C-alpha atoms as a PDB file:
ATOM      1  CA  MET A   1     121.064 111.913  85.523  1.00  0.00           C
ATOM      2  CA  GLY A   2     121.268 110.410  82.225  1.00  0.00           C
ATOM      3  CA  VAL A   3     118.251 109.193  80.813  1.00  0.00           C
ATOM      4  CA  PHE A   4     115.992 111.173  83.285  1.00  0.00           C
ATOM      5  CA  LYS A   5     115.139 115.255  83.110  1.00  0.00           C
ATOM      6  CA  GLU A   6     114.645 117.116  86.501  1.00  0.00           C
ATOM      7  CA  TYR A   7     111.686 119.316  86.798  1.00  0.00           C
ATOM      8  CA  ASN A   8     110.709 121.319  90.235  1.00  0.00           C
ATOM      9  CA  ASP A   9     107.649 118.267  90.804  1.00  0.00           C
ATOM     10  CA  GLY A  10     109.561 115.263  89.697  1.00  0.00           C
ATOM     11  CA  LEU A  11     111.688 113.407  86.913  1.00  0.00           C
ATOM     12  CA  VAL A  12     110.558 112.589  83.682  1.00  0.00           C
ATOM     13  CA  VAL A  13     111.636 109.411  81.294  1.00  0.00           C
ATOM     14  CA  ALA A  14     110.611 108.418  78.136  1.00  0.00           C
ATOM     15  CA  ALA A  15     108.405 105.302  78.299  1.00  0.00           C
ATOM     16  CA  GLN A  16     110.346 103.482  76.110  1.00  0.00           C
ATOM     17  CA  ARG A  17     113.633 104.142  77.845  1.00  0.00           C
ATOM     18  CA  TYR A  18     111.815 103.165  80.962  1.00  0.00           C
ATOM     19  CA  GLN A  19     110.921  99.679  79.396  1.00  0.00           C
ATOM     20  CA  GLN A  20     114.789  99.284  78.850  1.00  0.00           C
ATOM     21  CA  ILE A  21     115.600  99.574  82.549  1.00  0.00           C
ATOM     22  CA  GLN A  22     115.992  96.048  83.788  1.00  0.00           C
ATOM     23  CA  PRO A  23     113.697  94.967  86.648  1.00  0.00           C
ATOM     24  CA  LYS A  24     115.298  93.208  89.679  1.00  0.00           C
ATOM     25  CA  THR A  25     114.018  92.018  92.685  1.00  0.00           C
ATOM     26  CA  VAL A  26     115.256  93.386  96.177  1.00  0.00           C
ATOM     27  CA  GLN A  27     114.005  92.956  99.405  1.00  0.00           C
ATOM     28  CA  LEU A  28     112.501  95.941 100.829  1.00  0.00           C
ATOM     29  CA  HIS A  29     115.177  96.546 103.817  1.00  0.00           C
ATOM     30  CA  GLU A  30     118.036  95.978 100.910  1.00  0.00           C
ATOM     31  CA  LEU A  31     116.270  98.624  98.529  1.00  0.00           C
ATOM     32  CA  ILE A  32     116.687 101.407 101.057  1.00  0.00           C
ATOM     33  CA  GLN A  33     120.133 100.695 101.370  1.00  0.00           C
ATOM     34  CA  LYS A  34     120.629 101.388  97.314  1.00  0.00           C
ATOM     35  CA  LYS A  35     121.070 104.797  95.482  1.00  0.00           C
ATOM     36  CA  MET A  36     117.040 105.154  94.832  1.00  0.00           C
ATOM     37  CA  VAL A  37     116.459 107.458  91.949  1.00  0.00           C
ATOM     38  CA  GLY A  38     112.496 107.906  92.497  1.00  0.00           C
ATOM     39  CA  TYR A  39     109.299 105.929  92.029  1.00  0.00           C
ATOM     40  CA  VAL A  40     107.192 105.029  89.179  1.00  0.00           C
ATOM     41  CA  ARG A  41     103.051 104.617  89.417  1.00  0.00           C
ATOM     42  CA  ILE A  42     101.874 102.988  86.214  1.00  0.00           C
ATOM     43  CA  PHE A  43      98.338 101.860  86.900  1.00  0.00           C
ATOM     44  CA  SER A  44      98.260 102.078  90.470  1.00  0.00           C
ATOM     45  CA  LYS A  45     101.344  99.895  90.660  1.00  0.00           C
ATOM     46  CA  TYR A  46     104.533 101.329  92.008  1.00  0.00           C
ATOM     47  CA  TRP A  47     108.373 100.606  91.126  1.00  0.00           C
ATOM     48  CA  ILE A  48     111.533 101.934  92.539  1.00  0.00           C
ATOM     49  CA  VAL A  49     114.080 103.049  90.049  1.00  0.00           C
ATOM     50  CA  TYR A  50     117.646 103.012  91.749  1.00  0.00           C
ATOM     51  CA  TRP A  51     121.100 103.090  90.590  1.00  0.00           C
ATOM     52  CA  GLU A  52     123.731 100.602  91.070  1.00  0.00           C
ATOM     53  CA  ASN A  53     127.031  99.353  89.477  1.00  0.00           C
ATOM     54  CA  ASP A  54     126.471 102.156  86.659  1.00  0.00           C
ATOM     55  CA  LYS A  55     123.439 101.304  85.803  1.00  0.00           C
ATOM     56  CA  TYR A  56     119.699 101.773  86.653  1.00  0.00           C
ATOM     57  CA  PHE A  57     117.503  98.988  88.022  1.00  0.00           C
ATOM     58  CA  LYS A  58     114.026  98.986  88.505  1.00  0.00           C
ATOM     59  CA  SER A  59     112.107  96.871  91.841  1.00  0.00           C
ATOM     60  CA  PHE A  60     108.556  96.443  92.248  1.00  0.00           C
ATOM     61  CA  LEU A  61     107.022  97.596  95.441  1.00  0.00           C
ATOM     62  CA  ALA A  62     103.631  97.968  95.803  1.00  0.00           C
ATOM     63  CA  LYS A  63     100.369  96.712  93.810  1.00  0.00           C
ATOM     64  CA  ASN A  64      98.252  99.848  94.610  1.00  0.00           C
ATOM     65  CA  ASP A  65      97.790 102.892  96.551  1.00  0.00           C
ATOM     66  CA  SER A  66      96.738 101.378  99.645  1.00  0.00           C
ATOM     67  CA  TRP A  67     100.022  99.183  99.714  1.00  0.00           C
ATOM     68  CA  PHE A  68     102.271 102.049  98.820  1.00  0.00           C
ATOM     69  CA  ASN A  69     100.737 104.047 101.683  1.00  0.00           C
ATOM     70  CA  ALA A  70     101.065 101.131 103.942  1.00  0.00           C
ATOM     71  CA  LEU A  71     104.590 100.282 103.112  1.00  0.00           C
ATOM     72  CA  THR A  72     105.682 104.093 103.431  1.00  0.00           C
ATOM     73  CA  SER A  73     104.065 104.563 106.585  1.00  0.00           C
ATOM     74  CA  ASP A  74     106.616 102.602 108.906  1.00  0.00           C
ATOM     75  CA  VAL A  75     109.167 105.198 110.041  1.00  0.00           C
ATOM     76  CA  GLN A  76     112.419 103.773 108.140  1.00  0.00           C
ATOM     77  CA  TYR A  77     110.516 103.680 105.206  1.00  0.00           C
ATOM     78  CA  THR A  78     109.015 106.993 104.856  1.00  0.00           C
ATOM     79  CA  ILE A  79     112.391 107.930 103.091  1.00  0.00           C
ATOM     80  CA  ILE A  80     110.576 106.182  99.896  1.00  0.00           C
ATOM     81  CA  LYS A  81     107.532 108.255 100.093  1.00  0.00           C
ATOM     82  CA  GLU A  82     109.976 111.191 100.075  1.00  0.00           C
ATOM     83  CA  LEU A  83     111.275 110.176  96.657  1.00  0.00           C
ATOM     84  CA  PRO A  84     110.527 112.355  93.513  1.00  0.00           C
ATOM     85  CA  GLN A  85     108.066 110.818  91.430  1.00  0.00           C
ATOM     86  CA  ILE A  86     109.169 109.849  88.003  1.00  0.00           C
ATOM     87  CA  TYR A  87     106.516 110.453  85.297  1.00  0.00           C
ATOM     88  CA  LEU A  88     106.360 108.416  81.896  1.00  0.00           C
ATOM     89  CA  ILE A  89     105.659 110.314  78.768  1.00  0.00           C
END
């Protein structure tokens, strides 16, 4: 996976490497069609990391836990909740 190291309960990436991932605004329905790697939770804000054109991107998903739970409770978006969490170290 390159910059990510895989463990049983999720993925790990260095905080500095995560900051280098380019943010990109993508609609939720478009995001689920991409190759999603996992989600990052930073101070209750959620970002999705995905792979596109041989490059990682991150897209903002939710501003707090309640929004994340509400967005991922819809049947078509439960795949996001099933993604591994990416921890920053």
